[in-house]
Amino acid sequence: MKKLALCLLLLSQSVHAEIEIYQFATPELESRYQNLTEELRCLVCQNQNIADSHAELAQDLRRKVYEKLSAGESNEQIITYMTDRYGDFVLYRPPFNVKTLILWLAPILTLLIGGLGFWSLLKRRKEDDEPELSDEERERLNQLLETKE
């Protein structure tokens, strides 16, 4: 019984999560905060924005966004700060430039390569289904068909 109580006590510590409550001077600031935290990617989770992530880094980034908004910085200044510090990967919609070219072209290239592969597979399959007959085979086939009629 003591072991069970000890296990429950230890497990309850891992469930502890801090709820962040930020006070905004205006509803516009709160809206900007929501938009910015939804645009920035959690670098730990990588498939979540910092608004939805529970990672410690995401909490730090949310706090930094709040601080910079409270200091009167614009959205562009905050995004520039984040990209200077963490790179373009922190953005869900990275800019189109030489460094992010592969991010933008990869889906198109994948579709093109997959489409070409599928087309060549179908073409090869069609060729396999219709074998070429030699002249002798064609003559023999015609003879067989004539005798059946």
N, C-alpha and C. Protein backbone atom coordinates (compact mmCIF):
# COMPACT_ATOMS: atom_id res chain seq x y z
N MET A 1 0.82 -1.19 0.00
CA MET A 1 0.00 0.00 0.00
C MET A 1 0.86 1.26 0.00
N LYS A 2 1.97 1.21 0.75
CA LYS A 2 2.87 2.35 0.80
C LYS A 2 3.53 2.59 -0.55
N LYS A 3 3.85 1.46 -1.24
CA LYS A 3 4.46 1.60 -2.56
C LYS A 3 3.50 2.25 -3.54
N LEU A 4 2.24 1.88 -3.47
CA LEU A 4 1.24 2.45 -4.35
C LEU A 4 1.08 3.95 -4.09
N ALA A 5 1.05 4.33 -2.84
CA ALA A 5 0.93 5.74 -2.48
C ALA A 5 2.15 6.52 -2.96
N LEU A 6 3.32 5.93 -2.82
CA LEU A 6 4.55 6.58 -3.27
C LEU A 6 4.54 6.75 -4.80
N CYS A 7 4.10 5.72 -5.52
CA CYS A 7 4.02 5.80 -6.99
C CYS A 7 3.04 6.89 -7.41
N LEU A 8 1.90 6.95 -6.78
CA LEU A 8 0.90 7.97 -7.11
C LEU A 8 1.43 9.37 -6.82
N LEU A 9 2.15 9.51 -5.74
CA LEU A 9 2.74 10.80 -5.40
C LEU A 9 3.76 11.24 -6.44
N LEU A 10 4.61 10.30 -6.88
CA LEU A 10 5.63 10.62 -7.89
C LEU A 10 4.99 10.94 -9.24
N LEU A 11 3.96 10.20 -9.62
CA LEU A 11 3.28 10.44 -10.89
C LEU A 11 2.53 11.76 -10.89
N SER A 12 1.99 12.14 -9.75
CA SER A 12 1.24 13.39 -9.70
C SER A 12 2.14 14.60 -9.91
N GLN A 13 3.41 14.47 -9.59
CA GLN A 13 4.35 15.57 -9.80
C GLN A 13 4.59 15.82 -11.29
N SER A 14 4.56 14.75 -12.11
CA SER A 14 4.81 14.93 -13.54
C SER A 14 3.62 15.53 -14.26
N VAL A 15 2.45 15.49 -13.65
CA VAL A 15 1.25 16.04 -14.27
C VAL A 15 1.14 17.54 -14.02
N HIS A 16 1.89 18.04 -13.07
CA HIS A 16 1.82 19.45 -12.71
C HIS A 16 2.13 20.33 -13.91
N ALA A 17 1.23 21.21 -14.24
CA ALA A 17 1.44 22.14 -15.36
C ALA A 17 1.04 23.54 -14.90
N GLU A 18 1.84 24.49 -15.29
CA GLU A 18 1.57 25.87 -14.90
C GLU A 18 0.68 26.52 -15.94
N ILE A 19 -0.35 27.19 -15.48
CA ILE A 19 -1.25 27.90 -16.38
C ILE A 19 -0.78 29.34 -16.47
N GLU A 20 -0.56 29.78 -17.71
CA GLU A 20 -0.10 31.16 -17.91
C GLU A 20 -1.31 32.07 -18.08
N ILE A 21 -1.31 33.14 -17.33
CA ILE A 21 -2.37 34.13 -17.47
C ILE A 21 -1.69 35.49 -17.66
N TYR A 22 -1.92 36.05 -18.83
CA TYR A 22 -1.33 37.35 -19.14
C TYR A 22 -2.44 38.39 -19.20
N GLN A 23 -2.14 39.54 -18.62
CA GLN A 23 -3.08 40.66 -18.66
C GLN A 23 -2.66 41.61 -19.79
N PHE A 24 -3.60 41.93 -20.67
CA PHE A 24 -3.31 42.82 -21.79
C PHE A 24 -4.01 44.14 -21.59
N ALA A 25 -3.35 45.20 -22.02
CA ALA A 25 -3.90 46.55 -21.86
C ALA A 25 -5.12 46.76 -22.76
N THR A 26 -5.09 46.14 -23.93
CA THR A 26 -6.21 46.31 -24.87
C THR A 26 -6.53 44.96 -25.52
N PRO A 27 -7.75 44.83 -26.03
CA PRO A 27 -8.10 43.60 -26.76
C PRO A 27 -7.25 43.43 -28.03
N GLU A 28 -6.80 44.54 -28.62
CA GLU A 28 -5.96 44.46 -29.81
C GLU A 28 -4.64 43.77 -29.49
N LEU A 29 -4.04 44.11 -28.34
CA LEU A 29 -2.79 43.45 -27.93
C LEU A 29 -3.00 41.96 -27.71
N GLU A 30 -4.13 41.62 -27.11
CA GLU A 30 -4.43 40.19 -26.88
C GLU A 30 -4.59 39.46 -28.21
N SER A 31 -5.25 40.10 -29.16
CA SER A 31 -5.43 39.51 -30.49
C SER A 31 -4.08 39.35 -31.20
N ARG A 32 -3.22 40.33 -31.10
CA ARG A 32 -1.88 40.24 -31.69
C ARG A 32 -1.08 39.12 -31.05
N TYR A 33 -1.21 38.98 -29.72
CA TYR A 33 -0.52 37.91 -29.01
C TYR A 33 -0.99 36.55 -29.53
N GLN A 34 -2.30 36.39 -29.65
CA GLN A 34 -2.84 35.11 -30.16
C GLN A 34 -2.33 34.82 -31.56
N ASN A 35 -2.36 35.83 -32.44
CA ASN A 35 -1.90 35.64 -33.82
C ASN A 35 -0.42 35.27 -33.87
N LEU A 36 0.39 35.97 -33.09
CA LEU A 36 1.83 35.70 -33.10
C LEU A 36 2.15 34.31 -32.55
N THR A 37 1.51 33.92 -31.46
CA THR A 37 1.80 32.60 -30.89
C THR A 37 1.30 31.48 -31.79
N GLU A 38 0.32 31.76 -32.64
CA GLU A 38 -0.14 30.74 -33.58
C GLU A 38 0.74 30.69 -34.83
N GLU A 39 1.47 31.76 -35.12
CA GLU A 39 2.37 31.80 -36.29
C GLU A 39 3.74 31.21 -35.99
N LEU A 40 4.13 31.16 -34.73
CA LEU A 40 5.46 30.69 -34.37
C LEU A 40 5.43 29.20 -34.00
N ARG A 41 6.38 28.45 -34.56
CA ARG A 41 6.47 27.00 -34.36
C ARG A 41 7.24 26.69 -33.08
N CYS A 42 6.77 25.68 -32.36
CA CYS A 42 7.51 25.19 -31.21
C CYS A 42 8.70 24.41 -31.72
N LEU A 43 9.89 24.78 -31.31
CA LEU A 43 11.10 24.15 -31.79
C LEU A 43 11.33 22.78 -31.17
N VAL A 44 10.64 22.49 -30.08
CA VAL A 44 10.75 21.19 -29.44
C VAL A 44 9.77 20.22 -30.09
N CYS A 45 8.52 20.63 -30.20
CA CYS A 45 7.46 19.77 -30.76
C CYS A 45 7.54 19.70 -32.28
N GLN A 46 7.87 20.77 -32.93
CA GLN A 46 8.04 20.93 -34.36
C GLN A 46 6.75 20.82 -35.17
N ASN A 47 5.72 20.22 -34.66
CA ASN A 47 4.47 20.15 -35.42
C ASN A 47 3.36 20.91 -34.71
N GLN A 48 3.71 21.71 -33.74
CA GLN A 48 2.74 22.52 -33.00
C GLN A 48 3.23 23.96 -32.96
N ASN A 49 2.27 24.86 -32.87
CA ASN A 49 2.68 26.25 -32.66
C ASN A 49 2.91 26.46 -31.16
N ILE A 50 3.48 27.59 -30.82
CA ILE A 50 3.80 27.80 -29.40
C ILE A 50 2.55 28.06 -28.58
N ALA A 51 1.45 28.41 -29.22
CA ALA A 51 0.20 28.61 -28.49
C ALA A 51 -0.33 27.29 -27.95
N ASP A 52 -0.12 26.20 -28.67
CA ASP A 52 -0.67 24.90 -28.28
C ASP A 52 0.32 24.01 -27.55
N SER A 53 1.59 24.35 -27.58
CA SER A 53 2.62 23.49 -27.02
C SER A 53 2.74 23.67 -25.51
N HIS A 54 3.08 22.57 -24.83
CA HIS A 54 3.30 22.61 -23.38
C HIS A 54 4.78 22.53 -23.03
N ALA A 55 5.65 22.55 -24.04
CA ALA A 55 7.09 22.47 -23.80
C ALA A 55 7.58 23.73 -23.08
N GLU A 56 8.63 23.57 -22.31
CA GLU A 56 9.17 24.71 -21.56
C GLU A 56 9.65 25.82 -22.49
N LEU A 57 10.27 25.44 -23.62
CA LEU A 57 10.73 26.44 -24.57
C LEU A 57 9.54 27.23 -25.12
N ALA A 58 8.44 26.56 -25.40
CA ALA A 58 7.25 27.26 -25.90
C ALA A 58 6.72 28.24 -24.85
N GLN A 59 6.77 27.86 -23.59
CA GLN A 59 6.35 28.77 -22.52
C GLN A 59 7.25 29.99 -22.49
N ASP A 60 8.56 29.77 -22.64
CA ASP A 60 9.51 30.88 -22.66
C ASP A 60 9.25 31.80 -23.86
N LEU A 61 8.97 31.20 -25.01
CA LEU A 61 8.71 32.00 -26.21
C LEU A 61 7.40 32.80 -26.06
N ARG A 62 6.38 32.20 -25.47
CA ARG A 62 5.13 32.94 -25.23
C ARG A 62 5.38 34.11 -24.30
N ARG A 63 6.17 33.87 -23.25
CA ARG A 63 6.48 34.95 -22.31
C ARG A 63 7.25 36.07 -23.00
N LYS A 64 8.19 35.69 -23.88
CA LYS A 64 8.98 36.69 -24.61
C LYS A 64 8.08 37.49 -25.55
N VAL A 65 7.13 36.84 -26.21
CA VAL A 65 6.18 37.54 -27.09
C VAL A 65 5.37 38.53 -26.27
N TYR A 66 4.89 38.09 -25.10
CA TYR A 66 4.11 38.97 -24.23
C TYR A 66 4.94 40.18 -23.79
N GLU A 67 6.19 39.93 -23.39
CA GLU A 67 7.05 41.02 -22.95
C GLU A 67 7.29 42.04 -24.07
N LYS A 68 7.55 41.54 -25.25
CA LYS A 68 7.84 42.44 -26.38
C LYS A 68 6.59 43.20 -26.81
N LEU A 69 5.43 42.56 -26.75
CA LEU A 69 4.18 43.27 -27.05
C LEU A 69 3.93 44.36 -26.01
N SER A 70 4.17 44.01 -24.75
CA SER A 70 3.96 44.99 -23.67
C SER A 70 4.93 46.15 -23.78
N ALA A 71 6.11 45.90 -24.35
CA ALA A 71 7.11 46.96 -24.53
C ALA A 71 6.79 47.83 -25.75
N GLY A 72 5.75 47.48 -26.49
CA GLY A 72 5.33 48.30 -27.62
C GLY A 72 5.95 47.93 -28.96
N GLU A 73 6.58 46.75 -29.05
CA GLU A 73 7.19 46.35 -30.32
C GLU A 73 6.11 45.88 -31.30
N SER A 74 6.40 46.05 -32.59
CA SER A 74 5.46 45.63 -33.63
C SER A 74 5.59 44.12 -33.88
N ASN A 75 4.61 43.57 -34.59
CA ASN A 75 4.65 42.15 -34.93
C ASN A 75 5.92 41.83 -35.73
N GLU A 76 6.27 42.71 -36.67
CA GLU A 76 7.45 42.49 -37.50
C GLU A 76 8.73 42.47 -36.66
N GLN A 77 8.81 43.35 -35.68
CA GLN A 77 9.99 43.38 -34.80
C GLN A 77 10.09 42.08 -33.99
N ILE A 78 8.96 41.59 -33.52
CA ILE A 78 8.95 40.36 -32.73
C ILE A 78 9.34 39.17 -33.60
N ILE A 79 8.79 39.10 -34.81
CA ILE A 79 9.12 38.01 -35.72
C ILE A 79 10.59 38.08 -36.12
N THR A 80 11.10 39.28 -36.36
CA THR A 80 12.52 39.44 -36.68
C THR A 80 13.39 38.97 -35.53
N TYR A 81 13.01 39.31 -34.30
CA TYR A 81 13.75 38.85 -33.12
C TYR A 81 13.79 37.32 -33.07
N MET A 82 12.63 36.70 -33.28
CA MET A 82 12.55 35.23 -33.21
C MET A 82 13.35 34.57 -34.33
N THR A 83 13.25 35.10 -35.55
CA THR A 83 13.99 34.48 -36.66
C THR A 83 15.49 34.73 -36.54
N ASP A 84 15.90 35.88 -36.01
CA ASP A 84 17.32 36.12 -35.79
C ASP A 84 17.88 35.14 -34.77
N ARG A 85 17.08 34.83 -33.78
CA ARG A 85 17.53 33.94 -32.72
C ARG A 85 17.41 32.46 -33.07
N TYR A 86 16.30 32.06 -33.74
CA TYR A 86 16.03 30.64 -33.97
C TYR A 86 16.02 30.24 -35.45
N GLY A 87 16.14 31.19 -36.35
CA GLY A 87 16.13 30.86 -37.77
C GLY A 87 14.72 30.85 -38.33
N ASP A 88 14.62 30.67 -39.65
CA ASP A 88 13.32 30.69 -40.33
C ASP A 88 12.45 29.50 -39.94
N PHE A 89 13.04 28.45 -39.37
CA PHE A 89 12.27 27.27 -38.99
C PHE A 89 11.23 27.60 -37.92
N VAL A 90 11.42 28.66 -37.16
CA VAL A 90 10.48 29.04 -36.11
C VAL A 90 9.16 29.54 -36.71
N LEU A 91 9.14 29.85 -37.99
CA LEU A 91 7.93 30.35 -38.64
C LEU A 91 7.19 29.20 -39.32
N TYR A 92 5.87 29.18 -39.19
CA TYR A 92 5.08 28.18 -39.91
C TYR A 92 5.04 28.50 -41.40
N ARG A 93 5.11 29.77 -41.75
CA ARG A 93 5.15 30.19 -43.16
C ARG A 93 6.46 30.92 -43.40
N PRO A 94 7.55 30.16 -43.62
CA PRO A 94 8.84 30.82 -43.81
C PRO A 94 8.86 31.61 -45.11
N PRO A 95 9.69 32.65 -45.19
CA PRO A 95 9.76 33.45 -46.42
C PRO A 95 10.38 32.65 -47.55
N PHE A 96 10.07 33.03 -48.77
CA PHE A 96 10.64 32.37 -49.95
C PHE A 96 11.98 33.01 -50.25
N ASN A 97 13.06 32.30 -49.92
CA ASN A 97 14.41 32.78 -50.22
C ASN A 97 15.30 31.57 -50.47
N VAL A 98 16.58 31.80 -50.71
CA VAL A 98 17.50 30.73 -51.07
C VAL A 98 17.58 29.67 -49.97
N LYS A 99 17.60 30.11 -48.72
CA LYS A 99 17.72 29.17 -47.60
C LYS A 99 16.48 28.29 -47.44
N THR A 100 15.32 28.79 -47.81
CA THR A 100 14.08 28.03 -47.62
C THR A 100 13.51 27.49 -48.93
N LEU A 101 14.29 27.56 -49.98
CA LEU A 101 13.84 27.10 -51.29
C LEU A 101 13.38 25.64 -51.26
N ILE A 102 14.12 24.79 -50.59
CA ILE A 102 13.76 23.37 -50.54
C ILE A 102 12.44 23.16 -49.79
N LEU A 103 12.16 23.98 -48.77
CA LEU A 103 10.89 23.85 -48.05
C LEU A 103 9.70 24.13 -48.96
N TRP A 104 9.87 25.10 -49.86
CA TRP A 104 8.78 25.49 -50.75
C TRP A 104 8.66 24.55 -51.94
N LEU A 105 9.78 24.05 -52.45
CA LEU A 105 9.75 23.23 -53.65
C LEU A 105 9.58 21.73 -53.38
N ALA A 106 9.87 21.28 -52.18
CA ALA A 106 9.80 19.85 -51.88
C ALA A 106 8.42 19.24 -52.17
N PRO A 107 7.31 19.86 -51.77
CA PRO A 107 6.02 19.24 -52.08
C PRO A 107 5.75 19.14 -53.58
N ILE A 108 6.13 20.16 -54.34
CA ILE A 108 5.91 20.15 -55.79
C ILE A 108 6.79 19.07 -56.43
N LEU A 109 8.06 19.02 -56.03
CA LEU A 109 8.97 18.02 -56.58
C LEU A 109 8.52 16.61 -56.23
N THR A 110 8.04 16.42 -55.02
CA THR A 110 7.55 15.11 -54.61
C THR A 110 6.37 14.67 -55.47
N LEU A 111 5.43 15.58 -55.71
CA LEU A 111 4.29 15.25 -56.57
C LEU A 111 4.74 14.94 -58.00
N LEU A 112 5.65 15.74 -58.54
CA LEU A 112 6.14 15.50 -59.90
C LEU A 112 6.86 14.16 -60.02
N ILE A 113 7.75 13.87 -59.09
CA ILE A 113 8.49 12.61 -59.13
C ILE A 113 7.54 11.43 -58.95
N GLY A 114 6.61 11.55 -58.02
CA GLY A 114 5.62 10.48 -57.82
C GLY A 114 4.75 10.28 -59.05
N GLY A 115 4.32 11.39 -59.67
CA GLY A 115 3.50 11.29 -60.88
C GLY A 115 4.26 10.64 -62.02
N LEU A 116 5.53 11.02 -62.21
CA LEU A 116 6.34 10.41 -63.26
C LEU A 116 6.56 8.93 -62.99
N GLY A 117 6.81 8.58 -61.75
CA GLY A 117 6.98 7.17 -61.39
C GLY A 117 5.71 6.37 -61.66
N PHE A 118 4.57 6.92 -61.30
CA PHE A 118 3.29 6.25 -61.52
C PHE A 118 3.02 6.09 -63.01
N TRP A 119 3.29 7.15 -63.79
CA TRP A 119 3.08 7.11 -65.24
C TRP A 119 3.97 6.05 -65.89
N SER A 120 5.26 5.99 -65.48
CA SER A 120 6.16 5.00 -66.07
C SER A 120 5.75 3.59 -65.67
N LEU A 121 5.24 3.41 -64.46
CA LEU A 121 4.75 2.10 -64.02
C LEU A 121 3.56 1.66 -64.86
N LEU A 122 2.62 2.57 -65.09
CA LEU A 122 1.46 2.24 -65.92
C LEU A 122 1.88 1.93 -67.35
N LYS A 123 2.80 2.70 -67.88
CA LYS A 123 3.28 2.48 -69.25
C LYS A 123 3.97 1.12 -69.37
N ARG A 124 4.80 0.79 -68.41
CA ARG A 124 5.50 -0.49 -68.41
C ARG A 124 4.50 -1.64 -68.29
N ARG A 125 3.50 -1.47 -67.45
CA ARG A 125 2.49 -2.51 -67.25
C ARG A 125 1.69 -2.73 -68.54
N LYS A 126 1.38 -1.65 -69.23
CA LYS A 126 0.63 -1.75 -70.48
C LYS A 126 1.46 -2.49 -71.52
N GLU A 127 2.75 -2.20 -71.57
CA GLU A 127 3.63 -2.90 -72.51
C GLU A 127 3.72 -4.37 -72.18
N ASP A 128 3.73 -4.72 -70.91
CA ASP A 128 3.78 -6.12 -70.50
C ASP A 128 2.49 -6.85 -70.86
N ASP A 129 1.35 -6.17 -70.81
CA ASP A 129 0.06 -6.79 -71.10
C ASP A 129 -0.12 -7.07 -72.59
N GLU A 130 0.50 -6.30 -73.45
CA GLU A 130 0.35 -6.45 -74.89
C GLU A 130 1.69 -6.83 -75.51
N PRO A 131 2.04 -8.13 -75.47
CA PRO A 131 3.33 -8.51 -76.04
C PRO A 131 3.30 -8.39 -77.57
N GLU A 132 4.42 -8.06 -78.12
CA GLU A 132 4.56 -7.95 -79.57
C GLU A 132 4.64 -9.35 -80.17
N LEU A 133 3.92 -9.55 -81.26
CA LEU A 133 3.97 -10.83 -81.96
C LEU A 133 4.93 -10.71 -83.14
N SER A 134 5.65 -11.77 -83.35
CA SER A 134 6.53 -11.80 -84.53
C SER A 134 5.66 -12.06 -85.76
N ASP A 135 6.23 -11.89 -86.94
CA ASP A 135 5.48 -12.12 -88.18
C ASP A 135 5.00 -13.57 -88.27
N GLU A 136 5.84 -14.51 -87.86
CA GLU A 136 5.47 -15.93 -87.90
C GLU A 136 4.29 -16.20 -86.97
N GLU A 137 4.34 -15.61 -85.75
CA GLU A 137 3.26 -15.81 -84.79
C GLU A 137 1.96 -15.19 -85.29
N ARG A 138 2.06 -14.04 -85.90
CA ARG A 138 0.88 -13.37 -86.42
C ARG A 138 0.24 -14.18 -87.57
N GLU A 139 1.09 -14.74 -88.44
CA GLU A 139 0.60 -15.57 -89.54
C GLU A 139 -0.06 -16.82 -89.01
N ARG A 140 0.54 -17.44 -88.03
CA ARG A 140 -0.01 -18.66 -87.41
C ARG A 140 -1.36 -18.34 -86.75
N LEU A 141 -1.46 -17.20 -86.08
CA LEU A 141 -2.71 -16.79 -85.44
C LEU A 141 -3.80 -16.56 -86.49
N ASN A 142 -3.46 -15.93 -87.59
CA ASN A 142 -4.44 -15.71 -88.66
C ASN A 142 -4.91 -17.04 -89.23
N GLN A 143 -4.00 -17.98 -89.39
CA GLN A 143 -4.37 -19.30 -89.90
C GLN A 143 -5.35 -19.99 -88.96
N LEU A 144 -5.07 -19.91 -87.67
CA LEU A 144 -5.94 -20.54 -86.65
C LEU A 144 -7.33 -19.89 -86.67
N LEU A 145 -7.38 -18.57 -86.79
CA LEU A 145 -8.65 -17.88 -86.81
C LEU A 145 -9.44 -18.22 -88.05
N GLU A 146 -8.78 -18.38 -89.20
CA GLU A 146 -9.46 -18.72 -90.46
C GLU A 146 -10.03 -20.12 -90.41
N THR A 147 -9.31 -21.04 -89.78
CA THR A 147 -9.79 -22.43 -89.73
C THR A 147 -11.00 -22.56 -88.81
N LYS A 148 -11.14 -21.72 -87.82
CA LYS A 148 -12.28 -21.77 -86.90
C LYS A 148 -13.52 -21.22 -87.56
N GLU A 149 -13.39 -20.34 -88.53
CA GLU A 149 -14.54 -19.72 -89.15
C GLU A 149 -15.09 -20.67 -90.13
